[in-house]
Amino acid sequence: MQAAPGPLRGLDLSPEDRLKTGTTTIGMVARDGVVLATERRATAGNMISSKTAQKLFKIDQNLGITIAGYVGDAQVLARYLRAEVSLYRLRRSAPLSTEGAATLLANILSGNRYYPYLAWLIVGGVDGKGGHLFSVDPAGGCMEDRFVSVGSGSPFAYGLVEESYSRDISSSDAVDLALRGLTAAMKRDSASGDGYLVNVITPKEYRELSEDEINKRLKALKIPLPPPAP
């Protein structure tokens, strides 16, 4: 993630340019839910501006998102989406589906393409049709997949996740795979690092893994623990 925008090269950003956001985010659909995970570094050019960046947001009891891109743009989108999802629940007395939330977010981004939000998000959730995952790009493109990684570290994460992912993976194994994918990205991508955030969404609950639980899993995977947050 970038803490402050640099000079824009124009609005005709290619998909490759948009993907060069300093972060690594991962989403996976498991047989019993959805896993969302990110690391915690935010950068401003070559400087690490934060080692405790929040890149994973709970939107509703059944929905969460990860963010990559400019921090301000991504945070505004998270607030918009949370507000609209809350209004939908109040009006309909039912949660918004994952596809509905992703489509809403895509419409917001598409409607602002000439003054764009420079952010790429993963929307994950569980509804009556099961677990779903959508990648939503800065131009409003919305694509569903079983696993997604976004950000500058995503090529390294994809290399590991794609090899090990299976459609019948459990949410527990998906958490471990996400941690391994983030670790692979942090080893080679200078804009990714400084810790892990992991959320698990199931039909019964939205659960944010504690630092202690993440550290226990890292030890079991023989992954070095991140340094304590300042």
C-alpha atoms as a PDB file:
ATOM      1  CA  MET A   1       0.000   0.000   0.000  1.00  0.00           C
ATOM      2  CA  GLN A   2       1.084   3.555  -0.625  1.00  0.00           C
ATOM      3  CA  ALA A   3       0.612   6.070   2.155  1.00  0.00           C
ATOM      4  CA  ALA A   4       0.749   9.074  -0.148  1.00  0.00           C
ATOM      5  CA  PRO A   5       0.179   9.343  -3.905  1.00  0.00           C
ATOM      6  CA  GLY A   6       3.029  10.075  -6.260  1.00  0.00           C
ATOM      7  CA  PRO A   7       2.775  11.672  -9.703  1.00  0.00           C
ATOM      8  CA  LEU A   8       0.112  10.031 -11.863  1.00  0.00           C
ATOM      9  CA  ARG A   9       1.031   8.970 -15.377  1.00  0.00           C
ATOM     10  CA  GLY A  10      -2.494   9.617 -16.592  1.00  0.00           C
ATOM     11  CA  LEU A  11      -5.773   7.801 -16.274  1.00  0.00           C
ATOM     12  CA  ASP A  12      -5.042   5.117 -18.884  1.00  0.00           C
ATOM     13  CA  LEU A  13      -3.339   2.840 -16.372  1.00  0.00           C
ATOM     14  CA  SER A  14      -2.829  -0.639 -17.749  1.00  0.00           C
ATOM     15  CA  PRO A  15      -3.802  -3.651 -15.619  1.00  0.00           C
ATOM     16  CA  GLU A  16      -0.085  -4.260 -15.091  1.00  0.00           C
ATOM     17  CA  ASP A  17       0.400  -0.716 -13.777  1.00  0.00           C
ATOM     18  CA  ARG A  18      -2.594  -0.980 -11.496  1.00  0.00           C
ATOM     19  CA  LEU A  19      -1.265  -4.198 -10.032  1.00  0.00           C
ATOM     20  CA  LYS A  20       1.965  -2.488  -8.946  1.00  0.00           C
ATOM     21  CA  THR A  21       0.566  -1.484  -5.572  1.00  0.00           C
ATOM     22  CA  GLY A  22       2.972  -1.956  -2.701  1.00  0.00           C
ATOM     23  CA  THR A  23       1.347  -4.739  -0.723  1.00  0.00           C
ATOM     24  CA  THR A  24       0.357  -8.394  -0.731  1.00  0.00           C
ATOM     25  CA  THR A  25      -3.225  -9.497  -0.123  1.00  0.00           C
ATOM     26  CA  ILE A  26      -4.640 -13.010  -0.465  1.00  0.00           C
ATOM     27  CA  GLY A  27      -8.145 -14.457  -0.525  1.00  0.00           C
ATOM     28  CA  MET A  28      -9.198 -18.111  -0.737  1.00  0.00           C
ATOM     29  CA  VAL A  29     -12.484 -19.980  -0.829  1.00  0.00           C
ATOM     30  CA  ALA A  30     -12.359 -23.078   1.382  1.00  0.00           C
ATOM     31  CA  ARG A  31     -14.926 -25.854   1.645  1.00  0.00           C
ATOM     32  CA  ASP A  32     -16.206 -24.417   4.927  1.00  0.00           C
ATOM     33  CA  GLY A  33     -15.715 -20.691   4.430  1.00  0.00           C
ATOM     34  CA  VAL A  34     -13.494 -17.918   3.099  1.00  0.00           C
ATOM     35  CA  VAL A  35     -10.034 -16.811   4.253  1.00  0.00           C
ATOM     36  CA  LEU A  36      -8.708 -13.266   3.784  1.00  0.00           C
ATOM     37  CA  ALA A  37      -5.104 -12.384   4.663  1.00  0.00           C
ATOM     38  CA  THR A  38      -2.648  -9.501   4.288  1.00  0.00           C
ATOM     39  CA  GLU A  39       0.701  -8.323   5.553  1.00  0.00           C
ATOM     40  CA  ARG A  40       1.069  -5.003   7.418  1.00  0.00           C
ATOM     41  CA  ARG A  41       3.565  -2.731   5.652  1.00  0.00           C
ATOM     42  CA  ALA A  42       2.644   0.617   4.090  1.00  0.00           C
ATOM     43  CA  THR A  43       5.148   2.513   1.966  1.00  0.00           C
ATOM     44  CA  ALA A  44       5.621   6.042   0.654  1.00  0.00           C
ATOM     45  CA  GLY A  45       8.041   5.635  -2.217  1.00  0.00           C
ATOM     46  CA  ASN A  46      11.117   3.956  -0.803  1.00  0.00           C
ATOM     47  CA  MET A  47      10.194   4.760   2.802  1.00  0.00           C
ATOM     48  CA  ILE A  48       8.270   2.403   5.094  1.00  0.00           C
ATOM     49  CA  SER A  49       5.592   4.743   6.417  1.00  0.00           C
ATOM     50  CA  SER A  50       3.829   2.222   8.668  1.00  0.00           C
ATOM     51  CA  LYS A  51       4.515  -1.247  10.044  1.00  0.00           C
ATOM     52  CA  THR A  52       0.992  -1.732  11.400  1.00  0.00           C
ATOM     53  CA  ALA A  53      -1.164  -0.835   8.407  1.00  0.00           C
ATOM     54  CA  GLN A  54      -4.736  -2.120   8.439  1.00  0.00           C
ATOM     55  CA  LYS A  55      -5.440  -3.740   5.070  1.00  0.00           C
ATOM     56  CA  LEU A  56      -8.248  -6.104   6.072  1.00  0.00           C
ATOM     57  CA  PHE A  57     -11.707  -4.804   6.980  1.00  0.00           C
ATOM     58  CA  LYS A  58     -14.845  -6.459   8.301  1.00  0.00           C
ATOM     59  CA  ILE A  59     -17.806  -5.131   6.306  1.00  0.00           C
ATOM     60  CA  ASP A  60     -20.582  -7.249   7.815  1.00  0.00           C
ATOM     61  CA  GLN A  61     -20.996 -10.525   9.699  1.00  0.00           C
ATOM     62  CA  ASN A  62     -20.664 -12.368   6.381  1.00  0.00           C
ATOM     63  CA  LEU A  63     -18.386 -10.017   4.408  1.00  0.00           C
ATOM     64  CA  GLY A  64     -14.800  -8.733   4.472  1.00  0.00           C
ATOM     65  CA  ILE A  65     -12.410  -6.982   2.111  1.00  0.00           C
ATOM     66  CA  THR A  66      -8.679  -6.578   1.627  1.00  0.00           C
ATOM     67  CA  ILE A  67      -7.248  -3.383   0.185  1.00  0.00           C
ATOM     68  CA  ALA A  68      -4.258  -2.480  -1.972  1.00  0.00           C
ATOM     69  CA  GLY A  69      -3.300   0.845  -3.511  1.00  0.00           C
ATOM     70  CA  TYR A  70      -3.460   4.337  -2.059  1.00  0.00           C
ATOM     71  CA  VAL A  71      -4.432   4.179   1.603  1.00  0.00           C
ATOM     72  CA  GLY A  72      -6.863   7.106   1.520  1.00  0.00           C
ATOM     73  CA  ASP A  73      -8.727   5.846  -1.537  1.00  0.00           C
ATOM     74  CA  ALA A  74      -8.967   2.322  -0.166  1.00  0.00           C
ATOM     75  CA  GLN A  75     -10.179   3.463   3.264  1.00  0.00           C
ATOM     76  CA  VAL A  76     -12.889   5.654   1.720  1.00  0.00           C
ATOM     77  CA  LEU A  77     -14.114   2.707  -0.361  1.00  0.00           C
ATOM     78  CA  ALA A  78     -14.189   0.491   2.733  1.00  0.00           C
ATOM     79  CA  ARG A  79     -16.308   3.086   4.565  1.00  0.00           C
ATOM     80  CA  TYR A  80     -18.677   3.494   1.600  1.00  0.00           C
ATOM     81  CA  LEU A  81     -19.158  -0.237   1.277  1.00  0.00           C
ATOM     82  CA  ARG A  82     -19.702  -0.779   5.015  1.00  0.00           C
ATOM     83  CA  ALA A  83     -22.330   1.983   5.096  1.00  0.00           C
ATOM     84  CA  GLU A  84     -24.206   0.678   2.046  1.00  0.00           C
ATOM     85  CA  VAL A  85     -24.149  -2.906   3.328  1.00  0.00           C
ATOM     86  CA  SER A  86     -25.487  -1.752   6.709  1.00  0.00           C
ATOM     87  CA  LEU A  87     -28.311   0.177   5.010  1.00  0.00           C
ATOM     88  CA  TYR A  88     -29.186  -2.874   2.930  1.00  0.00           C
ATOM     89  CA  ARG A  89     -29.414  -5.039   6.068  1.00  0.00           C
ATOM     90  CA  LEU A  90     -31.646  -2.474   7.779  1.00  0.00           C
ATOM     91  CA  ARG A  91     -33.970  -2.158   4.785  1.00  0.00           C
ATOM     92  CA  ARG A  92     -34.179  -5.843   3.870  1.00  0.00           C
ATOM     93  CA  SER A  93     -33.608  -7.457   7.294  1.00  0.00           C
ATOM     94  CA  ALA A  94     -31.101  -9.710   5.540  1.00  0.00           C
ATOM     95  CA  PRO A  95     -27.399  -9.540   4.666  1.00  0.00           C
ATOM     96  CA  LEU A  96     -26.201  -8.492   1.239  1.00  0.00           C
ATOM     97  CA  SER A  97     -24.740 -11.341  -0.817  1.00  0.00           C
ATOM     98  CA  THR A  98     -21.036 -11.418  -1.634  1.00  0.00           C
ATOM     99  CA  GLU A  99     -21.772 -10.902  -5.318  1.00  0.00           C
ATOM    100  CA  GLY A 100     -24.040  -7.977  -4.484  1.00  0.00           C
ATOM    101  CA  ALA A 101     -21.340  -6.302  -2.380  1.00  0.00           C
ATOM    102  CA  ALA A 102     -18.708  -6.850  -5.082  1.00  0.00           C
ATOM    103  CA  THR A 103     -21.039  -5.480  -7.768  1.00  0.00           C
ATOM    104  CA  LEU A 104     -21.825  -2.422  -5.642  1.00  0.00           C
ATOM    105  CA  LEU A 105     -18.125  -1.759  -5.128  1.00  0.00           C
ATOM    106  CA  ALA A 106     -17.415  -2.269  -8.830  1.00  0.00           C
ATOM    107  CA  ASN A 107     -20.150   0.239  -9.726  1.00  0.00           C
ATOM    108  CA  ILE A 108     -18.648   2.849  -7.384  1.00  0.00           C
ATOM    109  CA  LEU A 109     -15.227   2.406  -8.988  1.00  0.00           C
ATOM    110  CA  SER A 110     -16.594   2.365 -12.544  1.00  0.00           C
ATOM    111  CA  GLY A 111     -18.610   5.508 -11.899  1.00  0.00           C
ATOM    112  CA  ASN A 112     -15.427   7.341 -10.875  1.00  0.00           C
ATOM    113  CA  ARG A 113     -13.130   6.122 -13.645  1.00  0.00           C
ATOM    114  CA  TYR A 114     -12.328   9.663 -14.835  1.00  0.00           C
ATOM    115  CA  TYR A 115     -11.244  10.676 -11.335  1.00  0.00           C
ATOM    116  CA  PRO A 116     -10.392   7.201 -10.136  1.00  0.00           C
ATOM    117  CA  TYR A 117      -9.928   5.603  -6.790  1.00  0.00           C
ATOM    118  CA  LEU A 118      -6.479   4.041  -7.102  1.00  0.00           C
ATOM    119  CA  ALA A 119      -7.256   0.901  -5.147  1.00  0.00           C
ATOM    120  CA  TRP A 120      -7.642  -2.799  -5.900  1.00  0.00           C
ATOM    121  CA  LEU A 121      -9.789  -4.819  -3.506  1.00  0.00           C
ATOM    122  CA  ILE A 122     -10.662  -8.415  -2.751  1.00  0.00           C
ATOM    123  CA  VAL A 123     -14.240  -8.984  -1.575  1.00  0.00           C
ATOM    124  CA  GLY A 124     -14.874 -12.263   0.237  1.00  0.00           C
ATOM    125  CA  GLY A 125     -17.879 -13.613   2.026  1.00  0.00           C
ATOM    126  CA  VAL A 126     -20.320 -16.391   2.759  1.00  0.00           C
ATOM    127  CA  ASP A 127     -24.035 -16.318   1.896  1.00  0.00           C
ATOM    128  CA  GLY A 128     -26.861 -18.670   0.990  1.00  0.00           C
ATOM    129  CA  LYS A 129     -24.938 -19.819  -2.076  1.00  0.00           C
ATOM    130  CA  GLY A 130     -21.749 -20.635  -0.157  1.00  0.00           C
ATOM    131  CA  GLY A 131     -18.363 -18.957  -0.057  1.00  0.00           C
ATOM    132  CA  HIS A 132     -17.380 -16.495  -2.774  1.00  0.00           C
ATOM    133  CA  LEU A 133     -14.401 -14.328  -3.666  1.00  0.00           C
ATOM    134  CA  PHE A 134     -14.206 -11.385  -6.079  1.00  0.00           C
ATOM    135  CA  SER A 135     -11.320  -9.265  -7.322  1.00  0.00           C
ATOM    136  CA  VAL A 136     -12.409  -5.658  -7.987  1.00  0.00           C
ATOM    137  CA  ASP A 137      -9.959  -3.462  -9.908  1.00  0.00           C
ATOM    138  CA  PRO A 138      -9.673   0.374 -10.049  1.00  0.00           C
ATOM    139  CA  ALA A 139     -11.717   0.606 -13.279  1.00  0.00           C
ATOM    140  CA  GLY A 140     -14.599  -1.398 -11.825  1.00  0.00           C
ATOM    141  CA  GLY A 141     -13.714  -4.779 -13.288  1.00  0.00           C
ATOM    142  CA  CYS A 142     -15.153  -7.530 -11.102  1.00  0.00           C
ATOM    143  CA  MET A 143     -14.071 -11.162 -11.428  1.00  0.00           C
ATOM    144  CA  GLU A 144     -14.920 -14.166  -9.270  1.00  0.00           C
ATOM    145  CA  ASP A 145     -12.305 -16.807  -8.517  1.00  0.00           C
ATOM    146  CA  ARG A 146     -11.455 -19.510  -5.979  1.00  0.00           C
ATOM    147  CA  PHE A 147      -8.255 -17.765  -4.893  1.00  0.00           C
ATOM    148  CA  VAL A 148      -6.910 -14.275  -5.551  1.00  0.00           C
ATOM    149  CA  SER A 149      -3.783 -12.314  -4.700  1.00  0.00           C
ATOM    150  CA  VAL A 150      -3.360  -8.579  -5.299  1.00  0.00           C
ATOM    151  CA  GLY A 151      -0.422  -6.198  -4.950  1.00  0.00           C
ATOM    152  CA  SER A 152       3.256  -5.972  -5.753  1.00  0.00           C
ATOM    153  CA  GLY A 153       3.984  -9.212  -3.894  1.00  0.00           C
ATOM    154  CA  SER A 154       1.191 -11.162  -5.604  1.00  0.00           C
ATOM    155  CA  PRO A 155       3.378 -12.942  -8.206  1.00  0.00           C
ATOM    156  CA  PHE A 156       5.373 -14.558  -5.389  1.00  0.00           C
ATOM    157  CA  ALA A 157       2.231 -15.452  -3.434  1.00  0.00           C
ATOM    158  CA  TYR A 158       0.518 -16.875  -6.523  1.00  0.00           C
ATOM    159  CA  GLY A 159       3.492 -19.129  -7.223  1.00  0.00           C
ATOM    160  CA  LEU A 160       3.005 -20.881  -3.892  1.00  0.00           C
ATOM    161  CA  VAL A 161      -0.777 -20.728  -3.503  1.00  0.00           C
ATOM    162  CA  GLU A 162      -1.571 -22.008  -6.993  1.00  0.00           C
ATOM    163  CA  GLU A 163       0.615 -25.059  -6.477  1.00  0.00           C
ATOM    164  CA  SER A 164      -0.967 -26.047  -3.146  1.00  0.00           C
ATOM    165  CA  TYR A 165      -4.601 -24.915  -3.366  1.00  0.00           C
ATOM    166  CA  SER A 166      -7.409 -27.421  -3.863  1.00  0.00           C
ATOM    167  CA  ARG A 167     -11.175 -26.946  -4.007  1.00  0.00           C
ATOM    168  CA  ASP A 168     -11.704 -29.124  -0.944  1.00  0.00           C
ATOM    169  CA  ILE A 169      -9.171 -27.299   1.260  1.00  0.00           C
ATOM    170  CA  SER A 170     -10.360 -26.614   4.817  1.00  0.00           C
ATOM    171  CA  SER A 171     -10.387 -23.076   6.197  1.00  0.00           C
ATOM    172  CA  SER A 172      -7.677 -24.071   8.705  1.00  0.00           C
ATOM    173  CA  ASP A 173      -5.393 -25.349   5.947  1.00  0.00           C
ATOM    174  CA  ALA A 174      -6.238 -22.276   3.855  1.00  0.00           C
ATOM    175  CA  VAL A 175      -5.050 -20.045   6.716  1.00  0.00           C
ATOM    176  CA  ASP A 176      -1.724 -21.883   6.788  1.00  0.00           C
ATOM    177  CA  LEU A 177      -1.430 -21.642   2.997  1.00  0.00           C
ATOM    178  CA  ALA A 178      -2.165 -17.896   3.125  1.00  0.00           C
ATOM    179  CA  LEU A 179       0.538 -17.418   5.765  1.00  0.00           C
ATOM    180  CA  ARG A 180       3.008 -19.324   3.600  1.00  0.00           C
ATOM    181  CA  GLY A 181       2.028 -17.246   0.558  1.00  0.00           C
ATOM    182  CA  LEU A 182       2.460 -13.966   2.430  1.00  0.00           C
ATOM    183  CA  THR A 183       5.823 -15.130   3.774  1.00  0.00           C
ATOM    184  CA  ALA A 184       7.026 -15.987   0.256  1.00  0.00           C
ATOM    185  CA  ALA A 185       5.984 -12.513  -0.926  1.00  0.00           C
ATOM    186  CA  MET A 186       7.669 -10.754   2.002  1.00  0.00           C
ATOM    187  CA  LYS A 187      10.952 -12.481   1.242  1.00  0.00           C
ATOM    188  CA  ARG A 188      11.149 -10.987  -2.263  1.00  0.00           C
ATOM    189  CA  ASP A 189       8.908  -7.897  -2.297  1.00  0.00           C
ATOM    190  CA  SER A 190      10.329  -4.920  -0.414  1.00  0.00           C
ATOM    191  CA  ALA A 191       6.892  -3.276  -0.129  1.00  0.00           C
ATOM    192  CA  SER A 192       5.454  -6.229   1.829  1.00  0.00           C
ATOM    193  CA  GLY A 193       6.298  -7.167   5.405  1.00  0.00           C
ATOM    194  CA  ASP A 194       5.999  -6.469   9.139  1.00  0.00           C
ATOM    195  CA  GLY A 195       3.378  -8.978  10.184  1.00  0.00           C
ATOM    196  CA  TYR A 196       0.159 -10.727   9.247  1.00  0.00           C
ATOM    197  CA  LEU A 197      -3.591 -10.123   9.397  1.00  0.00           C
ATOM    198  CA  VAL A 198      -5.943 -13.059   8.845  1.00  0.00           C
ATOM    199  CA  ASN A 199      -9.750 -13.274   8.975  1.00  0.00           C
ATOM    200  CA  VAL A 200     -11.911 -16.364   8.515  1.00  0.00           C
ATOM    201  CA  ILE A 201     -15.556 -16.108   7.435  1.00  0.00           C
ATOM    202  CA  THR A 202     -17.837 -19.129   7.888  1.00  0.00           C
ATOM    203  CA  PRO A 203     -21.635 -19.559   7.828  1.00  0.00           C
ATOM    204  CA  LYS A 204     -21.534 -19.296  11.638  1.00  0.00           C
ATOM    205  CA  GLU A 205     -19.138 -16.418  12.311  1.00  0.00           C
ATOM    206  CA  TYR A 206     -16.663 -13.788  11.197  1.00  0.00           C
ATOM    207  CA  ARG A 207     -13.427 -14.463  13.071  1.00  0.00           C
ATOM    208  CA  GLU A 208     -10.311 -12.302  13.279  1.00  0.00           C
ATOM    209  CA  LEU A 209      -7.286 -14.388  14.203  1.00  0.00           C
ATOM    210  CA  SER A 210      -5.368 -13.027  17.166  1.00  0.00           C
ATOM    211  CA  GLU A 211      -1.647 -12.320  17.016  1.00  0.00           C
ATOM    212  CA  ASP A 212      -1.039 -15.230  19.395  1.00  0.00           C
ATOM    213  CA  GLU A 213      -2.933 -17.656  17.166  1.00  0.00           C
ATOM    214  CA  ILE A 214      -1.083 -16.461  14.079  1.00  0.00           C
ATOM    215  CA  ASN A 215       2.251 -16.820  15.861  1.00  0.00           C
ATOM    216  CA  LYS A 216       1.392 -20.379  16.925  1.00  0.00           C
ATOM    217  CA  ARG A 217       0.644 -21.267  13.336  1.00  0.00           C
ATOM    218  CA  LEU A 218       3.867 -19.637  12.150  1.00  0.00           C
ATOM    219  CA  LYS A 219       5.851 -21.680  14.665  1.00  0.00           C
ATOM    220  CA  ALA A 220       4.148 -24.884  13.518  1.00  0.00           C
ATOM    221  CA  LEU A 221       4.978 -23.968   9.896  1.00  0.00           C
ATOM    222  CA  LYS A 222       8.572 -23.169  10.945  1.00  0.00           C
ATOM    223  CA  ILE A 223       8.223 -19.590   9.723  1.00  0.00           C
ATOM    224  CA  PRO A 224      10.194 -16.943  11.674  1.00  0.00           C
ATOM    225  CA  LEU A 225       7.967 -14.704  13.760  1.00  0.00           C
ATOM    226  CA  PRO A 226       7.697 -11.057  12.699  1.00  0.00           C
ATOM    227  CA  PRO A 227       9.296  -8.500  15.038  1.00  0.00           C
ATOM    228  CA  PRO A 228       6.930  -7.014  17.647  1.00  0.00           C
ATOM    229  CA  ALA A 229       5.004  -3.957  16.487  1.00  0.00           C
ATOM    230  CA  PRO A 230       6.494  -0.688  17.744  1.00  0.00           C
END
